[in-house]
Amino acid sequence: MYRIVFLIVSSLLFFSCAKKEDNFIALPYYNEPNFTPIFLKDEAVIKKRIQHTIADFSFLNQDSILINQNVFKNKIHVANFIFTRCGSICPTMTQHLKIVSDRLQDYKDIVFLSYSVTPWIDKPSVLKKFKRNYEITNKNWHFLTGKKGAIYTLARQSYFAEEDIGFSKDSSQFLHTEHFILVDKTKRIRGIYNGTLQLEMEQLIDDIRTLKKEEEK
């Protein structure tokens, strides 16, 4: 009797798991600054339709180490744009991203990149102090500085940091955005989040875990 019950329960669990696997919903892709979600599963179709990726770059981090796109090669990364003298949204954004970093501390292949939008002020030593003040110990979280034009172009043209409203702006127009951008290991954008809202950080954490599952499929 117990054997029969065990087989029935095992069968139900198997079909339940199989159903969940069949219903796995991958995150959308974002190919344009209007952030219209594109849901695709077929790898060949993805390669053909999703052409937008994060461009190459080279900036100094808080330790004066030159960081380029290789820092997130075959890794998921989250990007945001801050400045150390910001008295409005940047402190909240940094605290919220730290929540994500701390919750995912067991994920050694997640990279966080905080680009300074006032690089003429935020030299490496300033960024190092900023990181220390927020008690950020994650070695995979880099605060980056460099040429203003290069950072602004990367933010607007690659990350779509300000969505449509910022895509055509040039570096003479100040960049200020609350967005966090989630990028997969192929350098394609998979999510955008309001960094001032803690609830959105829960979604970001869930989406990072979804991306990890997607990689394992």
Protein backbone atom coordinates (compact mmCIF):
# COMPACT_ATOMS: atom_id res chain seq x y z
CA MET A 1 0.00 0.00 0.00
CA TYR A 2 2.74 2.44 0.99
CA ARG A 3 4.63 1.57 -2.19
CA ILE A 4 1.61 2.43 -4.32
CA VAL A 5 1.10 5.70 -2.48
CA PHE A 6 4.80 6.53 -2.94
CA LEU A 7 4.61 5.85 -6.69
CA ILE A 8 1.50 8.00 -7.05
CA VAL A 9 3.06 10.91 -5.12
CA SER A 10 6.31 10.57 -7.09
CA SER A 11 4.40 10.64 -10.37
CA LEU A 12 2.49 13.75 -9.34
CA LEU A 13 5.72 15.51 -8.37
CA PHE A 14 7.35 14.51 -11.64
CA PHE A 15 4.53 15.84 -13.78
CA SER A 16 4.30 18.96 -11.65
CA CYS A 17 8.01 19.67 -12.15
CA ALA A 18 7.76 18.89 -15.85
CA LYS A 19 4.86 21.29 -16.17
CA LYS A 20 6.81 24.03 -14.41
CA GLU A 21 9.76 23.40 -16.74
CA ASP A 22 7.50 23.63 -19.80
CA ASN A 23 6.05 26.89 -18.48
CA PHE A 24 9.47 28.47 -17.88
CA ILE A 25 9.28 32.03 -19.15
CA ALA A 26 12.58 33.60 -20.11
CA LEU A 27 13.14 37.32 -19.66
CA PRO A 28 12.46 39.53 -22.67
CA TYR A 29 15.13 41.21 -24.77
CA TYR A 30 15.28 44.97 -25.29
CA ASN A 31 16.63 46.02 -28.65
CA GLU A 32 15.62 49.70 -28.76
CA PRO A 33 15.52 52.64 -26.32
CA ASN A 34 11.72 52.53 -26.13
CA PHE A 35 12.16 49.31 -24.14
CA THR A 36 9.57 47.32 -26.01
CA PRO A 37 9.93 43.75 -24.68
CA ILE A 38 10.72 41.04 -27.22
CA PHE A 39 10.11 37.47 -26.06
CA LEU A 40 12.17 34.89 -27.91
CA LYS A 41 13.36 31.36 -27.20
CA ASP A 42 14.97 30.09 -30.39
CA GLU A 43 18.71 30.85 -30.31
CA ALA A 44 18.94 31.33 -34.08
CA VAL A 45 16.08 33.84 -34.03
CA ILE A 46 17.62 35.68 -31.09
CA LYS A 47 20.92 36.07 -32.94
CA LYS A 48 19.11 37.37 -36.00
CA ARG A 49 16.65 39.74 -34.34
CA ILE A 50 18.51 41.03 -31.26
CA GLN A 51 21.43 42.96 -32.68
CA HIS A 52 21.89 45.48 -29.87
CA THR A 53 24.64 44.75 -27.36
CA ILE A 54 26.67 46.80 -24.88
CA ALA A 55 29.61 48.41 -26.67
CA ASP A 56 33.26 48.05 -25.66
CA PHE A 57 34.66 50.55 -23.18
CA SER A 58 37.66 51.29 -21.00
CA PHE A 59 37.44 53.20 -17.69
CA LEU A 60 39.26 53.39 -14.37
CA ASN A 61 37.66 51.91 -11.28
CA GLN A 62 37.90 53.09 -7.67
CA ASP A 63 41.28 51.36 -7.32
CA SER A 64 42.68 53.08 -10.44
CA ILE A 65 42.56 49.75 -12.29
CA LEU A 66 41.64 49.92 -15.96
CA ILE A 67 38.35 48.08 -16.48
CA ASN A 68 36.90 47.14 -19.86
CA GLN A 69 34.14 44.93 -21.25
CA ASN A 70 36.12 41.81 -20.32
CA VAL A 71 35.05 42.36 -16.71
CA PHE A 72 31.64 40.94 -17.60
CA LYS A 73 32.67 38.44 -20.27
CA ASN A 74 30.29 35.47 -19.96
CA LYS A 75 28.76 37.10 -16.87
CA ILE A 76 25.52 38.81 -15.98
CA HIS A 77 25.91 42.43 -14.98
CA VAL A 78 23.86 45.30 -13.60
CA ALA A 79 24.70 48.90 -14.49
CA ASN A 80 23.64 52.23 -13.05
CA PHE A 81 24.77 55.84 -13.25
CA ILE A 82 25.52 57.95 -10.19
CA PHE A 83 27.66 60.81 -8.92
CA THR A 84 29.16 61.13 -5.47
CA ARG A 85 27.90 64.65 -4.79
CA CYS A 86 24.32 63.72 -5.63
CA GLY A 87 22.07 64.55 -2.70
CA SER A 88 18.83 63.25 -4.18
CA ILE A 89 18.43 59.80 -5.71
CA CYS A 90 22.00 58.47 -5.79
CA PRO A 91 22.30 57.57 -2.08
CA THR A 92 19.02 55.64 -2.28
CA MET A 93 20.07 53.92 -5.49
CA THR A 94 23.39 52.88 -4.00
CA GLN A 95 21.75 51.54 -0.85
CA HIS A 96 19.22 49.61 -2.93
CA LEU A 97 21.84 48.11 -5.22
CA LYS A 98 23.76 47.06 -2.13
CA ILE A 99 20.68 45.09 -1.05
CA VAL A 100 20.84 43.24 -4.37
CA SER A 101 24.59 42.69 -4.05
CA ASP A 102 24.31 41.40 -0.48
CA ARG A 103 21.40 39.08 -1.28
CA LEU A 104 23.29 37.57 -4.20
CA GLN A 105 26.68 37.34 -2.50
CA ASP A 106 26.88 33.61 -3.30
CA TYR A 107 26.70 34.38 -7.02
CA LYS A 108 30.33 34.96 -7.89
CA ASP A 109 29.67 35.65 -11.57
CA ILE A 110 27.42 38.72 -11.15
CA VAL A 111 29.09 42.07 -11.83
CA PHE A 112 27.85 45.49 -10.71
CA LEU A 113 29.00 48.62 -12.54
CA SER A 114 28.28 52.11 -11.21
CA TYR A 115 29.40 54.70 -13.76
CA SER A 116 30.02 58.26 -12.60
CA VAL A 117 28.21 60.97 -14.58
CA THR A 118 30.53 63.62 -13.10
CA PRO A 119 33.86 61.98 -13.90
CA TRP A 120 35.71 65.30 -13.74
CA ILE A 121 34.89 65.30 -10.00
CA ASP A 122 34.71 61.59 -9.25
CA LYS A 123 38.32 60.56 -9.56
CA PRO A 124 39.25 57.01 -8.44
CA SER A 125 40.14 58.14 -4.91
CA VAL A 126 36.75 59.84 -4.54
CA LEU A 127 34.93 56.74 -5.77
CA LYS A 128 36.98 54.54 -3.43
CA LYS A 129 35.91 56.65 -0.47
CA PHE A 130 32.31 56.58 -1.70
CA LYS A 131 32.34 52.78 -1.92
CA ARG A 132 33.91 52.51 1.53
CA ASN A 133 31.34 54.89 3.05
CA TYR A 134 28.54 52.60 1.91
CA GLU A 135 30.37 49.58 3.35
CA ILE A 136 30.43 47.88 -0.02
CA THR A 137 32.87 44.97 0.06
CA ASN A 138 31.81 43.17 -3.12
CA LYS A 139 34.94 42.87 -5.30
CA ASN A 140 32.73 42.50 -8.36
CA TRP A 141 31.18 45.94 -7.85
CA HIS A 142 33.18 48.58 -9.71
CA PHE A 143 32.70 52.34 -9.55
CA LEU A 144 33.93 53.71 -12.86
CA THR A 145 35.24 57.04 -14.09
CA GLY A 146 36.74 58.29 -17.33
CA LYS A 147 36.06 60.70 -20.16
CA LYS A 148 32.65 62.31 -19.87
CA GLY A 149 31.79 61.89 -23.55
CA ALA A 150 32.65 58.19 -23.50
CA ILE A 151 30.55 57.53 -20.37
CA TYR A 152 27.57 59.50 -21.65
CA THR A 153 27.67 57.82 -25.05
CA LEU A 154 27.86 54.38 -23.46
CA ALA A 155 25.00 55.24 -21.09
CA ARG A 156 22.65 56.59 -23.75
CA GLN A 157 23.56 54.60 -26.83
CA SER A 158 24.40 51.22 -25.27
CA TYR A 159 22.46 50.99 -22.01
CA PHE A 160 19.51 53.17 -23.11
CA ALA A 161 19.89 54.61 -19.61
CA GLU A 162 17.37 57.41 -20.13
CA GLU A 163 15.24 55.46 -22.60
CA ASP A 164 13.92 57.38 -25.61
CA ILE A 165 14.27 60.82 -24.05
CA GLY A 166 18.03 60.51 -23.73
CA PHE A 167 18.98 58.42 -26.74
CA SER A 168 19.67 61.36 -29.04
CA LYS A 169 21.15 63.71 -26.43
CA ASP A 170 24.85 64.53 -26.51
CA SER A 171 27.38 64.83 -23.69
CA SER A 172 26.66 68.55 -23.22
CA GLN A 173 23.32 67.61 -21.63
CA PHE A 174 23.61 66.29 -18.09
CA LEU A 175 22.78 62.64 -17.59
CA HIS A 176 20.68 61.81 -14.54
CA THR A 177 18.67 58.61 -14.33
CA GLU A 178 17.27 56.32 -11.65
CA HIS A 179 17.42 53.27 -13.90
CA PHE A 180 19.27 50.03 -13.25
CA ILE A 181 19.92 47.99 -16.39
CA LEU A 182 20.23 44.20 -16.34
CA VAL A 183 22.46 42.70 -19.04
CA ASP A 184 22.96 39.02 -19.79
CA LYS A 185 26.22 37.20 -20.50
CA THR A 186 25.86 37.91 -24.24
CA LYS A 187 25.81 41.68 -23.49
CA ARG A 188 22.11 41.99 -24.37
CA ILE A 189 19.73 44.09 -22.25
CA ARG A 190 17.16 41.99 -20.39
CA GLY A 191 15.61 44.35 -17.85
CA ILE A 192 15.21 47.92 -16.59
CA TYR A 193 14.34 48.88 -13.01
CA ASN A 194 13.67 51.99 -10.96
CA GLY A 195 16.60 52.08 -8.56
CA THR A 196 14.77 54.34 -6.11
CA LEU A 197 12.12 51.71 -5.37
CA GLN A 198 13.05 48.85 -3.04
CA LEU A 199 10.20 46.73 -4.42
CA GLU A 200 11.86 46.86 -7.84
CA MET A 201 15.01 45.43 -6.29
CA GLU A 202 13.05 42.31 -5.40
CA GLN A 203 12.10 42.01 -9.06
CA LEU A 204 15.70 42.56 -10.11
CA ILE A 205 16.87 39.78 -7.78
CA ASP A 206 14.20 37.43 -9.14
CA ASP A 207 15.15 38.31 -12.73
CA ILE A 208 18.84 37.66 -12.10
CA ARG A 209 17.92 34.24 -10.76
CA THR A 210 15.76 33.66 -13.83
CA LEU A 211 18.70 34.52 -16.07
CA LYS A 212 20.83 32.04 -14.17
CA LYS A 213 18.22 29.33 -14.76
CA GLU A 214 18.07 30.32 -18.42
CA GLU A 215 21.82 29.75 -18.71
CA GLU A 216 21.46 26.31 -17.19
CA LYS A 217 18.75 25.18 -19.63
